[in-house]
Amino acid sequence: WARYPFDVINAAHNRGPEAVQEHNEILQALATGDAASAMIAMRK
C-alpha cells in the first residue's frame, strides 16, 4: 500500500460511485460467507 497511488486513484472523476458499489459487493459476499465471491469482488 505504501507504494500504491491511492491518492491518484481516489481523486479520479466518478471513482466514488464505482468504489461504493464495489464495497457493497464485497460486503454482500462476506454476509453470505461466500469466500469465492468475496475474493472475486475484491479482485474486481
ModelCIF file with pLDDT and N, C-alpha, C, O atoms, coordinates in Angstrom:
data_MODEL
#
_entry.id   MODEL 
#
_entity.id                         1 
_entity.type                       polymer 
_entity.pdbx_number_of_molecules   1 
#
_entity_poly.entity_id                      1 
_entity_poly.type                           'polypeptide(L)' 
_entity_poly.nstd_linkage                   no 
_entity_poly.nstd_monomer                   no 
_entity_poly.pdbx_seq_one_letter_code       WARYPFDVINAAHNRGPEAVQEHNEILQALATGDAASAMIAMRK 
_entity_poly.pdbx_seq_one_letter_code_can   WARYPFDVINAAHNRGPEAVQEHNEILQALATGDAASAMIAMRK 
_entity_poly.pdbx_strand_id                 A 
#
loop_
_entity_poly_seq.entity_id 
_entity_poly_seq.num 
_entity_poly_seq.mon_id 
_entity_poly_seq.hetero 
1 1  TRP n 
1 2  ALA n 
1 3  ARG n 
1 4  TYR n 
1 5  PRO n 
1 6  PHE n 
1 7  ASP n 
1 8  VAL n 
1 9  ILE n 
1 10 ASN n 
1 11 ALA n 
1 12 ALA n 
1 13 HIS n 
1 14 ASN n 
1 15 ARG n 
1 16 GLY n 
1 17 PRO n 
1 18 GLU n 
1 19 ALA n 
1 20 VAL n 
1 21 GLN n 
1 22 GLU n 
1 23 HIS n 
1 24 ASN n 
1 25 GLU n 
1 26 ILE n 
1 27 LEU n 
1 28 GLN n 
1 29 ALA n 
1 30 LEU n 
1 31 ALA n 
1 32 THR n 
1 33 GLY n 
1 34 ASP n 
1 35 ALA n 
1 36 ALA n 
1 37 SER n 
1 38 ALA n 
1 39 MET n 
1 40 ILE n 
1 41 ALA n 
1 42 MET n 
1 43 ARG n 
1 44 LYS n 
#
_struct_asym.id          A 
_struct_asym.entity_id   1 
#
loop_
_ma_qa_metric.id 
_ma_qa_metric.mode 
_ma_qa_metric.name 
_ma_qa_metric.software_group_id 
_ma_qa_metric.type 
1 global pLDDT . pLDDT 
2 local  pLDDT . pLDDT 
#
_ma_qa_metric_global.metric_id      1 
_ma_qa_metric_global.metric_value   87.14 
_ma_qa_metric_global.model_id       1 
_ma_qa_metric_global.ordinal_id     1 
#
loop_
_ma_qa_metric_local.label_asym_id 
_ma_qa_metric_local.label_comp_id 
_ma_qa_metric_local.label_seq_id 
_ma_qa_metric_local.metric_id 
_ma_qa_metric_local.metric_value 
_ma_qa_metric_local.model_id 
_ma_qa_metric_local.ordinal_id 
A TRP 1  2 89.00 1 1  
A ALA 2  2 85.00 1 2  
A ARG 3  2 81.00 1 3  
A TYR 4  2 78.00 1 4  
A PRO 5  2 72.00 1 5  
A PHE 6  2 73.00 1 6  
A ASP 7  2 67.00 1 7  
A VAL 8  2 66.00 1 8  
A ILE 9  2 69.00 1 9  
A ASN 10 2 65.00 1 10 
A ALA 11 2 64.00 1 11 
A ALA 12 2 64.00 1 12 
A HIS 13 2 60.00 1 13 
A ASN 14 2 67.00 1 14 
A ARG 15 2 75.00 1 15 
A GLY 16 2 79.00 1 16 
A PRO 17 2 86.00 1 17 
A GLU 18 2 89.00 1 18 
A ALA 19 2 90.00 1 19 
A VAL 20 2 93.00 1 20 
A GLN 21 2 95.00 1 21 
A GLU 22 2 96.00 1 22 
A HIS 23 2 96.00 1 23 
A ASN 24 2 97.00 1 24 
A GLU 25 2 97.00 1 25 
A ILE 26 2 98.00 1 26 
A LEU 27 2 98.00 1 27 
A GLN 28 2 98.00 1 28 
A ALA 29 2 98.00 1 29 
A LEU 30 2 98.00 1 30 
A ALA 31 2 97.00 1 31 
A THR 32 2 97.00 1 32 
A GLY 33 2 97.00 1 33 
A ASP 34 2 97.00 1 34 
A ALA 35 2 96.00 1 35 
A ALA 36 2 96.00 1 36 
A SER 37 2 97.00 1 37 
A ALA 38 2 97.00 1 38 
A MET 39 2 97.00 1 39 
A ILE 40 2 97.00 1 40 
A ALA 41 2 97.00 1 41 
A MET 42 2 96.00 1 42 
A ARG 43 2 95.00 1 43 
A LYS 44 2 95.00 1 44 
#
loop_
_atom_site.group_PDB 
_atom_site.id 
_atom_site.type_symbol 
_atom_site.label_atom_id 
_atom_site.label_alt_id 
_atom_site.label_comp_id 
_atom_site.label_asym_id 
_atom_site.label_entity_id 
_atom_site.label_seq_id 
_atom_site.pdbx_PDB_ins_code 
_atom_site.Cartn_x 
_atom_site.Cartn_y 
_atom_site.Cartn_z 
_atom_site.occupancy 
_atom_site.B_iso_or_equiv 
_atom_site.pdbx_formal_charge 
_atom_site.auth_seq_id 
_atom_site.auth_comp_id 
_atom_site.auth_asym_id 
_atom_site.auth_atom_id 
_atom_site.pdbx_PDB_model_num 
ATOM 1   N N  . TRP A 1 1  ? 0.833   -1.210  0.000   1.00 89.00 ? 1  TRP A N  1 
ATOM 2   C CA . TRP A 1 1  ? 0.000   0.000   0.000   1.00 89.00 ? 1  TRP A CA 1 
ATOM 3   C C  . TRP A 1 1  ? 0.865   1.258   0.000   1.00 89.00 ? 1  TRP A C  1 
ATOM 4   O O  . TRP A 1 1  ? 0.490   2.270   -0.591  1.00 89.00 ? 1  TRP A O  1 
ATOM 5   N N  . ALA A 1 2  ? 2.025   1.196   0.662   1.00 85.00 ? 2  ALA A N  1 
ATOM 6   C CA . ALA A 1 2  ? 2.910   2.364   0.719   1.00 85.00 ? 2  ALA A CA 1 
ATOM 7   C C  . ALA A 1 2  ? 3.361   2.790   -0.665  1.00 85.00 ? 2  ALA A C  1 
ATOM 8   O O  . ALA A 1 2  ? 3.663   3.962   -0.891  1.00 85.00 ? 2  ALA A O  1 
ATOM 9   N N  . ARG A 1 3  ? 3.409   1.847   -1.587  1.00 81.00 ? 3  ARG A N  1 
ATOM 10  C CA . ARG A 1 3  ? 3.923   2.104   -2.921  1.00 81.00 ? 3  ARG A CA 1 
ATOM 11  C C  . ARG A 1 3  ? 2.816   2.226   -3.966  1.00 81.00 ? 3  ARG A C  1 
ATOM 12  O O  . ARG A 1 3  ? 3.087   2.295   -5.165  1.00 81.00 ? 3  ARG A O  1 
ATOM 13  N N  . TYR A 1 4  ? 1.576   2.252   -3.503  1.00 78.00 ? 4  TYR A N  1 
ATOM 14  C CA . TYR A 1 4  ? 0.449   2.276   -4.433  1.00 78.00 ? 4  TYR A CA 1 
ATOM 15  C C  . TYR A 1 4  ? -0.237  3.634   -4.364  1.00 78.00 ? 4  TYR A C  1 
ATOM 16  O O  . TYR A 1 4  ? -0.495  4.130   -3.267  1.00 78.00 ? 4  TYR A O  1 
ATOM 17  N N  . PRO A 1 5  ? -0.542  4.251   -5.508  1.00 72.00 ? 5  PRO A N  1 
ATOM 18  C CA . PRO A 1 5  ? -1.043  5.640   -5.526  1.00 72.00 ? 5  PRO A CA 1 
ATOM 19  C C  . PRO A 1 5  ? -2.552  5.753   -5.279  1.00 72.00 ? 5  PRO A C  1 
ATOM 20  O O  . PRO A 1 5  ? -3.302  6.138   -6.177  1.00 72.00 ? 5  PRO A O  1 
ATOM 21  N N  . PHE A 1 6  ? -2.993  5.419   -4.070  1.00 73.00 ? 6  PHE A N  1 
ATOM 22  C CA . PHE A 1 6  ? -4.415  5.523   -3.756  1.00 73.00 ? 6  PHE A CA 1 
ATOM 23  C C  . PHE A 1 6  ? -4.925  6.956   -3.902  1.00 73.00 ? 6  PHE A C  1 
ATOM 24  O O  . PHE A 1 6  ? -6.074  7.183   -4.279  1.00 73.00 ? 6  PHE A O  1 
ATOM 25  N N  . ASP A 1 7  ? -4.047  7.923   -3.595  1.00 67.00 ? 7  ASP A N  1 
ATOM 26  C CA . ASP A 1 7  ? -4.475  9.314   -3.694  1.00 67.00 ? 7  ASP A CA 1 
ATOM 27  C C  . ASP A 1 7  ? -4.827  9.684   -5.134  1.00 67.00 ? 7  ASP A C  1 
ATOM 28  O O  . ASP A 1 7  ? -5.779  10.428  -5.373  1.00 67.00 ? 7  ASP A O  1 
ATOM 29  N N  . VAL A 1 8  ? -4.055  9.163   -6.092  1.00 66.00 ? 8  VAL A N  1 
ATOM 30  C CA . VAL A 1 8  ? -4.336  9.424   -7.509  1.00 66.00 ? 8  VAL A CA 1 
ATOM 31  C C  . VAL A 1 8  ? -5.628  8.741   -7.930  1.00 66.00 ? 8  VAL A C  1 
ATOM 32  O O  . VAL A 1 8  ? -6.456  9.338   -8.618  1.00 66.00 ? 8  VAL A O  1 
ATOM 33  N N  . ILE A 1 9  ? -5.799  7.491   -7.517  1.00 69.00 ? 9  ILE A N  1 
ATOM 34  C CA . ILE A 1 9  ? -6.970  6.712   -7.913  1.00 69.00 ? 9  ILE A CA 1 
ATOM 35  C C  . ILE A 1 9  ? -8.252  7.327   -7.373  1.00 69.00 ? 9  ILE A C  1 
ATOM 36  O O  . ILE A 1 9  ? -9.217  7.529   -8.109  1.00 69.00 ? 9  ILE A O  1 
ATOM 37  N N  . ASN A 1 10 ? -8.248  7.623   -6.070  1.00 65.00 ? 10 ASN A N  1 
ATOM 38  C CA . ASN A 1 10 ? -9.485  8.107   -5.438  1.00 65.00 ? 10 ASN A CA 1 
ATOM 39  C C  . ASN A 1 10 ? -9.805  9.555   -5.760  1.00 65.00 ? 10 ASN A C  1 
ATOM 40  O O  . ASN A 1 10 ? -10.903 10.031  -5.472  1.00 65.00 ? 10 ASN A O  1 
ATOM 41  N N  . ALA A 1 11 ? -8.838  10.266  -6.365  1.00 64.00 ? 11 ALA A N  1 
ATOM 42  C CA . ALA A 1 11 ? -9.106  11.637  -6.788  1.00 64.00 ? 11 ALA A CA 1 
ATOM 43  C C  . ALA A 1 11 ? -9.741  11.680  -8.177  1.00 64.00 ? 11 ALA A C  1 
ATOM 44  O O  . ALA A 1 11 ? -10.204 12.732  -8.617  1.00 64.00 ? 11 ALA A O  1 
ATOM 45  N N  . ALA A 1 12 ? -9.764  10.534  -8.870  1.00 64.00 ? 12 ALA A N  1 
ATOM 46  C CA . ALA A 1 12 ? -10.268 10.497  -10.240 1.00 64.00 ? 12 ALA A CA 1 
ATOM 47  C C  . ALA A 1 12 ? -11.772 10.758  -10.283 1.00 64.00 ? 12 ALA A C  1 
ATOM 48  O O  . ALA A 1 12 ? -12.508 10.403  -9.362  1.00 64.00 ? 12 ALA A O  1 
ATOM 49  N N  . HIS A 1 13 ? -12.200 11.374  -11.350 1.00 60.00 ? 13 HIS A N  1 
ATOM 50  C CA . HIS A 1 13 ? -13.616 11.701  -11.536 1.00 60.00 ? 13 HIS A CA 1 
ATOM 51  C C  . HIS A 1 13 ? -14.447 10.422  -11.621 1.00 60.00 ? 13 HIS A C  1 
ATOM 52  O O  . HIS A 1 13 ? -14.084 9.480   -12.326 1.00 60.00 ? 13 HIS A O  1 
ATOM 53  N N  . ASN A 1 14 ? -15.553 10.402  -10.902 1.00 67.00 ? 14 ASN A N  1 
ATOM 54  C CA . ASN A 1 14 ? -16.517 9.286   -10.912 1.00 67.00 ? 14 ASN A CA 1 
ATOM 55  C C  . ASN A 1 14 ? -16.010 8.015   -10.229 1.00 67.00 ? 14 ASN A C  1 
ATOM 56  O O  . ASN A 1 14 ? -16.686 6.988   -10.286 1.00 67.00 ? 14 ASN A O  1 
ATOM 57  N N  . ARG A 1 15 ? -14.845 8.053   -9.590  1.00 75.00 ? 15 ARG A N  1 
ATOM 58  C CA . ARG A 1 15 ? -14.368 6.859   -8.894  1.00 75.00 ? 15 ARG A CA 1 
ATOM 59  C C  . ARG A 1 15 ? -15.251 6.543   -7.689  1.00 75.00 ? 15 ARG A C  1 
ATOM 60  O O  . ARG A 1 15 ? -15.426 5.374   -7.345  1.00 75.00 ? 15 ARG A O  1 
ATOM 61  N N  . GLY A 1 16 ? -15.803 7.560   -7.049  1.00 79.00 ? 16 GLY A N  1 
ATOM 62  C CA . GLY A 1 16 ? -16.588 7.362   -5.840  1.00 79.00 ? 16 GLY A CA 1 
ATOM 63  C C  . GLY A 1 16 ? -17.737 6.387   -5.987  1.00 79.00 ? 16 GLY A C  1 
ATOM 64  O O  . GLY A 1 16 ? -17.780 5.402   -5.249  1.00 79.00 ? 16 GLY A O  1 
ATOM 65  N N  . PRO A 1 17 ? -18.685 6.610   -6.915  1.00 86.00 ? 17 PRO A N  1 
ATOM 66  C CA . PRO A 1 17 ? -19.822 5.692   -7.067  1.00 86.00 ? 17 PRO A CA 1 
ATOM 67  C C  . PRO A 1 17 ? -19.397 4.258   -7.373  1.00 86.00 ? 17 PRO A C  1 
ATOM 68  O O  . PRO A 1 17 ? -20.000 3.306   -6.878  1.00 86.00 ? 17 PRO A O  1 
ATOM 69  N N  . GLU A 1 18 ? -18.353 4.111   -8.190  1.00 89.00 ? 18 GLU A N  1 
ATOM 70  C CA . GLU A 1 18 ? -17.866 2.766   -8.511  1.00 89.00 ? 18 GLU A CA 1 
ATOM 71  C C  . GLU A 1 18 ? -17.330 2.080   -7.260  1.00 89.00 ? 18 GLU A C  1 
ATOM 72  O O  . GLU A 1 18 ? -17.633 0.915   -7.001  1.00 89.00 ? 18 GLU A O  1 
ATOM 73  N N  . ALA A 1 19 ? -16.529 2.814   -6.484  1.00 90.00 ? 19 ALA A N  1 
ATOM 74  C CA . ALA A 1 19 ? -15.937 2.228   -5.285  1.00 90.00 ? 19 ALA A CA 1 
ATOM 75  C C  . ALA A 1 19 ? -17.001 1.872   -4.257  1.00 90.00 ? 19 ALA A C  1 
ATOM 76  O O  . ALA A 1 19 ? -16.895 0.844   -3.588  1.00 90.00 ? 19 ALA A O  1 
ATOM 77  N N  . VAL A 1 20 ? -18.024 2.707   -4.123  1.00 93.00 ? 20 VAL A N  1 
ATOM 78  C CA . VAL A 1 20 ? -19.124 2.420   -3.194  1.00 93.00 ? 20 VAL A CA 1 
ATOM 79  C C  . VAL A 1 20 ? -19.812 1.117   -3.589  1.00 93.00 ? 20 VAL A C  1 
ATOM 80  O O  . VAL A 1 20 ? -20.074 0.268   -2.737  1.00 93.00 ? 20 VAL A O  1 
ATOM 81  N N  . GLN A 1 21 ? -20.104 0.957   -4.868  1.00 95.00 ? 21 GLN A N  1 
ATOM 82  C CA . GLN A 1 21 ? -20.753 -0.260  -5.346  1.00 95.00 ? 21 GLN A CA 1 
ATOM 83  C C  . GLN A 1 21 ? -19.863 -1.483  -5.130  1.00 95.00 ? 21 GLN A C  1 
ATOM 84  O O  . GLN A 1 21 ? -20.349 -2.553  -4.763  1.00 95.00 ? 21 GLN A O  1 
ATOM 85  N N  . GLU A 1 22 ? -18.572 -1.323  -5.357  1.00 96.00 ? 22 GLU A N  1 
ATOM 86  C CA . GLU A 1 22 ? -17.643 -2.443  -5.175  1.00 96.00 ? 22 GLU A CA 1 
ATOM 87  C C  . GLU A 1 22 ? -17.548 -2.823  -3.697  1.00 96.00 ? 22 GLU A C  1 
ATOM 88  O O  . GLU A 1 22 ? -17.489 -4.008  -3.370  1.00 96.00 ? 22 GLU A O  1 
ATOM 89  N N  . HIS A 1 23 ? -17.531 -1.847  -2.817  1.00 96.00 ? 23 HIS A N  1 
ATOM 90  C CA . HIS A 1 23 ? -17.548 -2.146  -1.374  1.00 96.00 ? 23 HIS A CA 1 
ATOM 91  C C  . HIS A 1 23 ? -18.799 -2.931  -1.007  1.00 96.00 ? 23 HIS A C  1 
ATOM 92  O O  . HIS A 1 23 ? -18.730 -3.892  -0.240  1.00 96.00 ? 23 HIS A O  1 
ATOM 93  N N  . ASN A 1 24 ? -19.942 -2.524  -1.551  1.00 97.00 ? 24 ASN A N  1 
ATOM 94  C CA . ASN A 1 24 ? -21.202 -3.217  -1.251  1.00 97.00 ? 24 ASN A CA 1 
ATOM 95  C C  . ASN A 1 24 ? -21.171 -4.664  -1.731  1.00 97.00 ? 24 ASN A C  1 
ATOM 96  O O  . ASN A 1 24 ? -21.690 -5.554  -1.059  1.00 97.00 ? 24 ASN A O  1 
ATOM 97  N N  . GLU A 1 25 ? -20.571 -4.896  -2.881  1.00 97.00 ? 25 GLU A N  1 
ATOM 98  C CA . GLU A 1 25 ? -20.467 -6.267  -3.396  1.00 97.00 ? 25 GLU A CA 1 
ATOM 99  C C  . GLU A 1 25 ? -19.593 -7.127  -2.493  1.00 97.00 ? 25 GLU A C  1 
ATOM 100 O O  . GLU A 1 25 ? -19.895 -8.297  -2.260  1.00 97.00 ? 25 GLU A O  1 
ATOM 101 N N  . ILE A 1 26 ? -18.513 -6.547  -1.986  1.00 98.00 ? 26 ILE A N  1 
ATOM 102 C CA . ILE A 1 26 ? -17.652 -7.275  -1.058  1.00 98.00 ? 26 ILE A CA 1 
ATOM 103 C C  . ILE A 1 26 ? -18.417 -7.610  0.216   1.00 98.00 ? 26 ILE A C  1 
ATOM 104 O O  . ILE A 1 26 ? -18.346 -8.737  0.707   1.00 98.00 ? 26 ILE A O  1 
ATOM 105 N N  . LEU A 1 27 ? -19.147 -6.634  0.753   1.00 98.00 ? 27 LEU A N  1 
ATOM 106 C CA . LEU A 1 27 ? -19.895 -6.840  1.991   1.00 98.00 ? 27 LEU A CA 1 
ATOM 107 C C  . LEU A 1 27 ? -20.999 -7.876  1.814   1.00 98.00 ? 27 LEU A C  1 
ATOM 108 O O  . LEU A 1 27 ? -21.248 -8.675  2.716   1.00 98.00 ? 27 LEU A O  1 
ATOM 109 N N  . GLN A 1 28 ? -21.660 -7.870  0.662   1.00 98.00 ? 28 GLN A N  1 
ATOM 110 C CA . GLN A 1 28 ? -22.698 -8.868  0.397   1.00 98.00 ? 28 GLN A CA 1 
ATOM 111 C C  . GLN A 1 28 ? -22.122 -10.280 0.409   1.00 98.00 ? 28 GLN A C  1 
ATOM 112 O O  . GLN A 1 28 ? -22.731 -11.204 0.948   1.00 98.00 ? 28 GLN A O  1 
ATOM 113 N N  . ALA A 1 29 ? -20.944 -10.438 -0.191  1.00 98.00 ? 29 ALA A N  1 
ATOM 114 C CA . ALA A 1 29 ? -20.308 -11.755 -0.215  1.00 98.00 ? 29 ALA A CA 1 
ATOM 115 C C  . ALA A 1 29 ? -19.870 -12.176 1.184   1.00 98.00 ? 29 ALA A C  1 
ATOM 116 O O  . ALA A 1 29 ? -19.997 -13.344 1.550   1.00 98.00 ? 29 ALA A O  1 
ATOM 117 N N  . LEU A 1 30 ? -19.359 -11.236 1.961   1.00 98.00 ? 30 LEU A N  1 
ATOM 118 C CA . LEU A 1 30 ? -18.959 -11.555 3.334   1.00 98.00 ? 30 LEU A CA 1 
ATOM 119 C C  . LEU A 1 30 ? -20.172 -11.950 4.172   1.00 98.00 ? 30 LEU A C  1 
ATOM 120 O O  . LEU A 1 30 ? -20.087 -12.848 5.009   1.00 98.00 ? 30 LEU A O  1 
ATOM 121 N N  . ALA A 1 31 ? -21.289 -11.280 3.947   1.00 97.00 ? 31 ALA A N  1 
ATOM 122 C CA . ALA A 1 31 ? -22.502 -11.563 4.724   1.00 97.00 ? 31 ALA A CA 1 
ATOM 123 C C  . ALA A 1 31 ? -23.023 -12.965 4.483   1.00 97.00 ? 31 ALA A C  1 
ATOM 124 O O  . ALA A 1 31 ? -23.605 -13.581 5.377   1.00 97.00 ? 31 ALA A O  1 
ATOM 125 N N  . THR A 1 32 ? -22.815 -13.470 3.275   1.00 97.00 ? 32 THR A N  1 
ATOM 126 C CA . THR A 1 32 ? -23.295 -14.818 2.941   1.00 97.00 ? 32 THR A CA 1 
ATOM 127 C C  . THR A 1 32 ? -22.245 -15.895 3.205   1.00 97.00 ? 32 THR A C  1 
ATOM 128 O O  . THR A 1 32 ? -22.521 -17.086 3.060   1.00 97.00 ? 32 THR A O  1 
ATOM 129 N N  . GLY A 1 33 ? -21.043 -15.475 3.591   1.00 97.00 ? 33 GLY A N  1 
ATOM 130 C CA . GLY A 1 33 ? -19.980 -16.440 3.854   1.00 97.00 ? 33 GLY A CA 1 
ATOM 131 C C  . GLY A 1 33 ? -19.438 -17.094 2.610   1.00 97.00 ? 33 GLY A C  1 
ATOM 132 O O  . GLY A 1 33 ? -18.891 -18.195 2.673   1.00 97.00 ? 33 GLY A O  1 
ATOM 133 N N  . ASP A 1 34 ? -19.580 -16.431 1.475   1.00 97.00 ? 34 ASP A N  1 
ATOM 134 C CA . ASP A 1 34 ? -19.145 -16.983 0.194   1.00 97.00 ? 34 ASP A CA 1 
ATOM 135 C C  . ASP A 1 34 ? -17.729 -16.493 -0.098  1.00 97.00 ? 34 ASP A C  1 
ATOM 136 O O  . ASP A 1 34 ? -17.539 -15.388 -0.606  1.00 97.00 ? 34 ASP A O  1 
ATOM 137 N N  . ALA A 1 35 ? -16.737 -17.324 0.229   1.00 96.00 ? 35 ALA A N  1 
ATOM 138 C CA . ALA A 1 35 ? -15.340 -16.914 0.086   1.00 96.00 ? 35 ALA A CA 1 
ATOM 139 C C  . ALA A 1 35 ? -14.976 -16.643 -1.366  1.00 96.00 ? 35 ALA A C  1 
ATOM 140 O O  . ALA A 1 35 ? -14.290 -15.666 -1.666  1.00 96.00 ? 35 ALA A O  1 
ATOM 141 N N  . ALA A 1 36 ? -15.434 -17.504 -2.266  1.00 96.00 ? 36 ALA A N  1 
ATOM 142 C CA . ALA A 1 36 ? -15.091 -17.327 -3.680  1.00 96.00 ? 36 ALA A CA 1 
ATOM 143 C C  . ALA A 1 36 ? -15.631 -16.000 -4.209  1.00 96.00 ? 36 ALA A C  1 
ATOM 144 O O  . ALA A 1 36 ? -14.918 -15.262 -4.889  1.00 96.00 ? 36 ALA A O  1 
ATOM 145 N N  . SER A 1 37 ? -16.883 -15.701 -3.897  1.00 97.00 ? 37 SER A N  1 
ATOM 146 C CA . SER A 1 37 ? -17.483 -14.448 -4.365  1.00 97.00 ? 37 SER A CA 1 
ATOM 147 C C  . SER A 1 37 ? -16.805 -13.239 -3.735  1.00 97.00 ? 37 SER A C  1 
ATOM 148 O O  . SER A 1 37 ? -16.619 -12.216 -4.393  1.00 97.00 ? 37 SER A O  1 
ATOM 149 N N  . ALA A 1 38 ? -16.436 -13.354 -2.466  1.00 97.00 ? 38 ALA A N  1 
ATOM 150 C CA . ALA A 1 38 ? -15.762 -12.249 -1.789  1.00 97.00 ? 38 ALA A CA 1 
ATOM 151 C C  . ALA A 1 38 ? -14.399 -11.981 -2.421  1.00 97.00 ? 38 ALA A C  1 
ATOM 152 O O  . ALA A 1 38 ? -14.009 -10.826 -2.592  1.00 97.00 ? 38 ALA A O  1 
ATOM 153 N N  . MET A 1 39 ? -13.677 -13.044 -2.769  1.00 97.00 ? 39 MET A N  1 
ATOM 154 C CA . MET A 1 39 ? -12.367 -12.886 -3.392  1.00 97.00 ? 39 MET A CA 1 
ATOM 155 C C  . MET A 1 39 ? -12.501 -12.298 -4.796  1.00 97.00 ? 39 MET A C  1 
ATOM 156 O O  . MET A 1 39 ? -11.688 -11.470 -5.205  1.00 97.00 ? 39 MET A O  1 
ATOM 157 N N  . ILE A 1 40 ? -13.511 -12.720 -5.519  1.00 97.00 ? 40 ILE A N  1 
ATOM 158 C CA . ILE A 1 40 ? -13.756 -12.166 -6.858  1.00 97.00 ? 40 ILE A CA 1 
ATOM 159 C C  . ILE A 1 40 ? -14.116 -10.691 -6.762  1.00 97.00 ? 40 ILE A C  1 
ATOM 160 O O  . ILE A 1 40 ? -13.641 -9.875  -7.552  1.00 97.00 ? 40 ILE A O  1 
ATOM 161 N N  . ALA A 1 41 ? -14.962 -10.350 -5.784  1.00 97.00 ? 41 ALA A N  1 
ATOM 162 C CA . ALA A 1 41 ? -15.369 -8.952  -5.604  1.00 97.00 ? 41 ALA A CA 1 
ATOM 163 C C  . ALA A 1 41 ? -14.180 -8.078  -5.241  1.00 97.00 ? 41 ALA A C  1 
ATOM 164 O O  . ALA A 1 41 ? -14.071 -6.951  -5.724  1.00 97.00 ? 41 ALA A O  1 
ATOM 165 N N  . MET A 1 42 ? -13.280 -8.587  -4.387  1.00 96.00 ? 42 MET A N  1 
ATOM 166 C CA . MET A 1 42 ? -12.099 -7.810  -4.028  1.00 96.00 ? 42 MET A CA 1 
ATOM 167 C C  . MET A 1 42 ? -11.172 -7.654  -5.220  1.00 96.00 ? 42 MET A C  1 
ATOM 168 O O  . MET A 1 42 ? -10.600 -6.583  -5.427  1.00 96.00 ? 42 MET A O  1 
ATOM 169 N N  . ARG A 1 43 ? -11.020 -8.710  -6.002  1.00 95.00 ? 43 ARG A N  1 
ATOM 170 C CA . ARG A 1 43 ? -10.179 -8.616  -7.198  1.00 95.00 ? 43 ARG A CA 1 
ATOM 171 C C  . ARG A 1 43 ? -10.731 -7.557  -8.154  1.00 95.00 ? 43 ARG A C  1 
ATOM 172 O O  . ARG A 1 43 ? -9.983  -6.750  -8.705  1.00 95.00 ? 43 ARG A O  1 
ATOM 173 N N  . LYS A 1 44 ? -12.045 -7.574  -8.338  1.00 95.00 ? 44 LYS A N  1 
ATOM 174 C CA . LYS A 1 44 ? -12.686 -6.566  -9.196  1.00 95.00 ? 44 LYS A CA 1 
ATOM 175 C C  . LYS A 1 44 ? -12.409 -5.168  -8.667  1.00 95.00 ? 44 LYS A C  1 
ATOM 176 O O  . LYS A 1 44 ? -12.864 -4.185  -9.252  1.00 95.00 ? 44 LYS A O  1 
#
